């Protein structure tokens, strides 16, 4: 798939088929996250990959909007060291967002859907994922093949009009 088609095809997928993701495809998605741009090449991320059904079921409880994690073929938890300064926290979330976008676009290129979610219950996330003290789970990205319809370019996306978003030279 061309990059532009992947961008136009990406959507949040919340229902997945029972198909497994091959290890090679999963590694390609993770490599896309690892190669994401990072402020000062900081690379603050750790990716915890979960495909065990019992773990996915428990992980789906870390946030009220994470129910789709339960049915995913695999979910990647983005874990990082807790930042001390506000500036580091801002940089951290920006970097994690770039890693997230890279992984989601790489998945689309493979015909794999994704859906992101936040994490509220850090104690439960730590219990399920086993990350050390001083770290936190920032986001989850569920991956799987869409159950409802395949990924293809969306002709009329539900987005604000281009001219409402883009300002040339000045606002």
C-alpha atoms as a PDB file:
ATOM      1  CA  UNK A   1       0.000   0.000   0.000  1.00  0.00           C
ATOM      2  CA  UNK A   2       1.207   3.511  -0.728  1.00  0.00           C
ATOM      3  CA  UNK A   3       1.769   5.820   2.255  1.00  0.00           C
ATOM      4  CA  UNK A   4      -1.062   8.145   1.212  1.00  0.00           C
ATOM      5  CA  UNK A   5      -3.463   5.205   0.946  1.00  0.00           C
ATOM      6  CA  UNK A   6      -2.420   3.977   4.404  1.00  0.00           C
ATOM      7  CA  UNK A   7      -3.093   7.430   5.865  1.00  0.00           C
ATOM      8  CA  UNK A   8      -6.506   7.584   4.172  1.00  0.00           C
ATOM      9  CA  UNK A   9      -7.360   4.014   5.233  1.00  0.00           C
ATOM     10  CA  UNK A  10      -6.454   4.244   8.921  1.00  0.00           C
ATOM     11  CA  UNK A  11      -9.432   4.259  11.244  1.00  0.00           C
ATOM     12  CA  UNK A  12     -10.086   3.135  14.785  1.00  0.00           C
ATOM     13  CA  UNK A  13     -10.977  -0.533  14.729  1.00  0.00           C
ATOM     14  CA  UNK A  14     -12.766  -1.815  17.825  1.00  0.00           C
ATOM     15  CA  UNK A  15     -13.985  -5.244  16.621  1.00  0.00           C
ATOM     16  CA  UNK A  16     -11.502  -7.815  15.450  1.00  0.00           C
ATOM     17  CA  UNK A  17     -11.697 -11.175  13.709  1.00  0.00           C
ATOM     18  CA  UNK A  18     -10.217 -14.292  15.339  1.00  0.00           C
ATOM     19  CA  UNK A  19      -7.241 -14.257  12.942  1.00  0.00           C
ATOM     20  CA  UNK A  20      -3.787 -14.156  14.498  1.00  0.00           C
ATOM     21  CA  UNK A  21      -1.121 -11.676  13.460  1.00  0.00           C
ATOM     22  CA  UNK A  22       2.050 -13.341  12.187  1.00  0.00           C
ATOM     23  CA  UNK A  23       5.190 -12.742  14.267  1.00  0.00           C
ATOM     24  CA  UNK A  24       6.848 -11.091  11.264  1.00  0.00           C
ATOM     25  CA  UNK A  25       3.997  -8.621  10.816  1.00  0.00           C
ATOM     26  CA  UNK A  26       3.942  -7.840  14.528  1.00  0.00           C
ATOM     27  CA  UNK A  27       7.700  -7.262  14.523  1.00  0.00           C
ATOM     28  CA  UNK A  28       7.340  -4.921  11.537  1.00  0.00           C
ATOM     29  CA  UNK A  29       4.714  -2.886  13.423  1.00  0.00           C
ATOM     30  CA  UNK A  30       6.963  -2.702  16.490  1.00  0.00           C
ATOM     31  CA  UNK A  31       9.960  -1.732  14.371  1.00  0.00           C
ATOM     32  CA  UNK A  32       7.908   1.151  12.964  1.00  0.00           C
ATOM     33  CA  UNK A  33       7.331   2.336  16.530  1.00  0.00           C
ATOM     34  CA  UNK A  34      10.997   1.932  17.420  1.00  0.00           C
ATOM     35  CA  UNK A  35      11.991   4.053  14.414  1.00  0.00           C
ATOM     36  CA  UNK A  36       9.606   6.911  15.265  1.00  0.00           C
ATOM     37  CA  UNK A  37      11.072  10.397  15.578  1.00  0.00           C
ATOM     38  CA  UNK A  38      12.016  11.325  19.114  1.00  0.00           C
ATOM     39  CA  UNK A  39      12.969  14.646  20.731  1.00  0.00           C
ATOM     40  CA  UNK A  40      16.771  14.766  20.970  1.00  0.00           C
ATOM     41  CA  UNK A  41      16.727  11.062  20.005  1.00  0.00           C
ATOM     42  CA  UNK A  42      15.553  10.345  23.561  1.00  0.00           C
ATOM     43  CA  UNK A  43      13.549   7.221  22.612  1.00  0.00           C
ATOM     44  CA  UNK A  44      11.809   7.017  26.015  1.00  0.00           C
ATOM     45  CA  UNK A  45       9.513   4.131  25.094  1.00  0.00           C
ATOM     46  CA  UNK A  46       9.246   0.472  25.981  1.00  0.00           C
ATOM     47  CA  UNK A  47       6.722  -1.689  24.130  1.00  0.00           C
ATOM     48  CA  UNK A  48       5.106  -4.578  25.997  1.00  0.00           C
ATOM     49  CA  UNK A  49       3.354  -6.955  23.596  1.00  0.00           C
ATOM     50  CA  UNK A  50       0.397  -8.922  24.953  1.00  0.00           C
ATOM     51  CA  UNK A  51      -1.387 -11.677  23.020  1.00  0.00           C
ATOM     52  CA  UNK A  52      -2.474 -13.994  25.841  1.00  0.00           C
ATOM     53  CA  UNK A  53      -6.292 -13.896  26.029  1.00  0.00           C
ATOM     54  CA  UNK A  54      -6.407 -13.818  29.869  1.00  0.00           C
ATOM     55  CA  UNK A  55      -3.941 -10.908  29.959  1.00  0.00           C
ATOM     56  CA  UNK A  56      -5.858  -9.050  27.232  1.00  0.00           C
ATOM     57  CA  UNK A  57      -9.081  -9.486  29.191  1.00  0.00           C
ATOM     58  CA  UNK A  58      -7.460  -8.066  32.328  1.00  0.00           C
ATOM     59  CA  UNK A  59      -5.761  -5.263  30.372  1.00  0.00           C
ATOM     60  CA  UNK A  60      -9.131  -4.243  28.908  1.00  0.00           C
ATOM     61  CA  UNK A  61     -10.104  -3.133  32.433  1.00  0.00           C
ATOM     62  CA  UNK A  62      -7.419  -0.454  32.849  1.00  0.00           C
ATOM     63  CA  UNK A  63      -9.622   2.210  31.305  1.00  0.00           C
ATOM     64  CA  UNK A  64     -13.342   2.483  30.617  1.00  0.00           C
ATOM     65  CA  UNK A  65     -12.674   2.898  26.882  1.00  0.00           C
ATOM     66  CA  UNK A  66     -10.327  -0.078  26.525  1.00  0.00           C
ATOM     67  CA  UNK A  67     -12.922  -2.835  26.035  1.00  0.00           C
ATOM     68  CA  UNK A  68     -11.740  -3.482  22.475  1.00  0.00           C
ATOM     69  CA  UNK A  69      -8.391  -4.703  23.849  1.00  0.00           C
ATOM     70  CA  UNK A  70     -10.149  -7.882  25.003  1.00  0.00           C
ATOM     71  CA  UNK A  71     -10.854  -9.013  21.434  1.00  0.00           C
ATOM     72  CA  UNK A  72      -7.582  -7.935  19.827  1.00  0.00           C
ATOM     73  CA  UNK A  73      -5.057 -10.378  18.393  1.00  0.00           C
ATOM     74  CA  UNK A  74      -2.321  -8.443  20.199  1.00  0.00           C
ATOM     75  CA  UNK A  75      -2.082  -5.241  22.169  1.00  0.00           C
ATOM     76  CA  UNK A  76       1.015  -3.125  22.582  1.00  0.00           C
ATOM     77  CA  UNK A  77       1.393  -1.209  25.830  1.00  0.00           C
ATOM     78  CA  UNK A  78       3.565   1.893  25.623  1.00  0.00           C
ATOM     79  CA  UNK A  79       5.490   2.132  28.874  1.00  0.00           C
ATOM     80  CA  UNK A  80       7.935   4.825  29.929  1.00  0.00           C
ATOM     81  CA  UNK A  81       9.785   6.053  32.948  1.00  0.00           C
ATOM     82  CA  UNK A  82       7.767   8.559  34.965  1.00  0.00           C
ATOM     83  CA  UNK A  83       9.067  12.044  34.152  1.00  0.00           C
ATOM     84  CA  UNK A  84       9.920  14.522  36.826  1.00  0.00           C
ATOM     85  CA  UNK A  85       9.607  17.799  34.941  1.00  0.00           C
ATOM     86  CA  UNK A  86       6.669  19.206  33.003  1.00  0.00           C
ATOM     87  CA  UNK A  87       8.901  19.750  29.975  1.00  0.00           C
ATOM     88  CA  UNK A  88       9.983  16.094  29.989  1.00  0.00           C
ATOM     89  CA  UNK A  89       6.352  14.973  30.324  1.00  0.00           C
ATOM     90  CA  UNK A  90       5.375  17.072  27.302  1.00  0.00           C
ATOM     91  CA  UNK A  91       8.272  15.681  25.246  1.00  0.00           C
ATOM     92  CA  UNK A  92       7.466  12.159  26.404  1.00  0.00           C
ATOM     93  CA  UNK A  93       3.838  12.265  25.302  1.00  0.00           C
ATOM     94  CA  UNK A  94       4.764  13.859  21.985  1.00  0.00           C
ATOM     95  CA  UNK A  95       7.305  11.098  21.350  1.00  0.00           C
ATOM     96  CA  UNK A  96       4.872   8.368  22.389  1.00  0.00           C
ATOM     97  CA  UNK A  97       2.276   9.868  20.046  1.00  0.00           C
ATOM     98  CA  UNK A  98       4.707   9.631  17.156  1.00  0.00           C
ATOM     99  CA  UNK A  99       5.527   6.000  17.974  1.00  0.00           C
ATOM    100  CA  UNK A 100       1.793   5.273  18.179  1.00  0.00           C
ATOM    101  CA  UNK A 101       1.086   6.859  14.789  1.00  0.00           C
ATOM    102  CA  UNK A 102       3.980   4.990  13.166  1.00  0.00           C
ATOM    103  CA  UNK A 103       2.756   1.640  14.500  1.00  0.00           C
ATOM    104  CA  UNK A 104      -0.841   2.285  13.468  1.00  0.00           C
ATOM    105  CA  UNK A 105       0.166   3.275   9.936  1.00  0.00           C
ATOM    106  CA  UNK A 106       2.492   0.287   9.586  1.00  0.00           C
ATOM    107  CA  UNK A 107      -0.412  -1.939  10.673  1.00  0.00           C
ATOM    108  CA  UNK A 108      -2.750  -0.458   8.044  1.00  0.00           C
ATOM    109  CA  UNK A 109      -0.126  -1.168   5.397  1.00  0.00           C
ATOM    110  CA  UNK A 110      -0.426  -4.842   6.404  1.00  0.00           C
ATOM    111  CA  UNK A 111      -4.240  -4.815   6.444  1.00  0.00           C
ATOM    112  CA  UNK A 112      -4.251  -4.861  10.250  1.00  0.00           C
ATOM    113  CA  UNK A 113      -6.581  -2.566  12.163  1.00  0.00           C
ATOM    114  CA  UNK A 114      -5.830  -0.772  15.398  1.00  0.00           C
ATOM    115  CA  UNK A 115      -7.534   1.105  18.182  1.00  0.00           C
ATOM    116  CA  UNK A 116      -5.801   3.168  20.844  1.00  0.00           C
ATOM    117  CA  UNK A 117      -6.780   3.810  24.417  1.00  0.00           C
ATOM    118  CA  UNK A 118      -5.561   5.554  27.524  1.00  0.00           C
ATOM    119  CA  UNK A 119      -4.736   3.892  30.836  1.00  0.00           C
ATOM    120  CA  UNK A 120      -6.293   5.016  34.114  1.00  0.00           C
ATOM    121  CA  UNK A 121      -5.644   2.086  36.466  1.00  0.00           C
ATOM    122  CA  UNK A 122      -1.851   2.080  36.668  1.00  0.00           C
ATOM    123  CA  UNK A 123      -1.729  -0.503  39.466  1.00  0.00           C
ATOM    124  CA  UNK A 124      -3.666  -3.019  37.372  1.00  0.00           C
ATOM    125  CA  UNK A 125      -1.584  -2.221  34.288  1.00  0.00           C
ATOM    126  CA  UNK A 126       1.609  -2.780  36.278  1.00  0.00           C
ATOM    127  CA  UNK A 127       0.283  -6.063  37.663  1.00  0.00           C
ATOM    128  CA  UNK A 128      -0.644  -7.342  34.173  1.00  0.00           C
ATOM    129  CA  UNK A 129       2.406  -6.028  32.314  1.00  0.00           C
ATOM    130  CA  UNK A 130       5.058  -6.391  35.004  1.00  0.00           C
ATOM    131  CA  UNK A 131       6.841  -3.087  34.414  1.00  0.00           C
ATOM    132  CA  UNK A 132       9.099  -1.850  37.230  1.00  0.00           C
ATOM    133  CA  UNK A 133       8.389   0.821  39.830  1.00  0.00           C
ATOM    134  CA  UNK A 134       9.036   4.322  38.563  1.00  0.00           C
ATOM    135  CA  UNK A 135       7.446   3.524  35.178  1.00  0.00           C
ATOM    136  CA  UNK A 136       3.899   3.957  33.914  1.00  0.00           C
ATOM    137  CA  UNK A 137       1.775   2.702  31.046  1.00  0.00           C
ATOM    138  CA  UNK A 138       0.795   5.697  28.926  1.00  0.00           C
ATOM    139  CA  UNK A 139      -1.247   4.105  26.135  1.00  0.00           C
ATOM    140  CA  UNK A 140      -2.487   0.850  24.682  1.00  0.00           C
ATOM    141  CA  UNK A 141      -2.759   0.044  20.992  1.00  0.00           C
ATOM    142  CA  UNK A 142      -4.934  -2.953  20.163  1.00  0.00           C
ATOM    143  CA  UNK A 143      -4.195  -4.687  16.851  1.00  0.00           C
ATOM    144  CA  UNK A 144      -6.170  -7.200  14.828  1.00  0.00           C
ATOM    145  CA  UNK A 145      -7.846  -7.793  11.512  1.00  0.00           C
ATOM    146  CA  UNK A 146     -11.117  -5.833  11.276  1.00  0.00           C
ATOM    147  CA  UNK A 147     -14.206  -7.958  11.878  1.00  0.00           C
ATOM    148  CA  UNK A 148     -16.658  -5.657  10.108  1.00  0.00           C
ATOM    149  CA  UNK A 149     -15.013  -4.327   6.929  1.00  0.00           C
ATOM    150  CA  UNK A 150     -11.517  -4.299   5.442  1.00  0.00           C
ATOM    151  CA  UNK A 151      -9.292  -1.268   5.594  1.00  0.00           C
ATOM    152  CA  UNK A 152      -9.462   0.835   2.445  1.00  0.00           C
ATOM    153  CA  UNK A 153      -9.210   4.558   1.692  1.00  0.00           C
ATOM    154  CA  UNK A 154     -12.037   6.550   3.243  1.00  0.00           C
ATOM    155  CA  UNK A 155     -13.433   8.838   0.557  1.00  0.00           C
ATOM    156  CA  UNK A 156     -15.410  11.213   2.811  1.00  0.00           C
ATOM    157  CA  UNK A 157     -13.769  11.199   6.261  1.00  0.00           C
ATOM    158  CA  UNK A 158     -15.610  12.608   9.249  1.00  0.00           C
ATOM    159  CA  UNK A 159     -13.205  15.517   9.590  1.00  0.00           C
ATOM    160  CA  UNK A 160     -13.486  19.281   9.830  1.00  0.00           C
ATOM    161  CA  UNK A 161     -13.288  20.938   6.425  1.00  0.00           C
ATOM    162  CA  UNK A 162      -9.783  21.578   5.105  1.00  0.00           C
ATOM    163  CA  UNK A 163     -10.305  25.359   5.016  1.00  0.00           C
ATOM    164  CA  UNK A 164     -11.389  25.364   8.686  1.00  0.00           C
ATOM    165  CA  UNK A 165      -8.157  23.664   9.699  1.00  0.00           C
ATOM    166  CA  UNK A 166      -5.520  25.115   7.387  1.00  0.00           C
ATOM    167  CA  UNK A 167      -4.469  28.760   7.618  1.00  0.00           C
ATOM    168  CA  UNK A 168      -2.035  30.067   5.007  1.00  0.00           C
ATOM    169  CA  UNK A 169       0.562  32.617   6.169  1.00  0.00           C
ATOM    170  CA  UNK A 170      -1.579  33.913   9.091  1.00  0.00           C
ATOM    171  CA  UNK A 171      -4.662  32.817  10.950  1.00  0.00           C
END
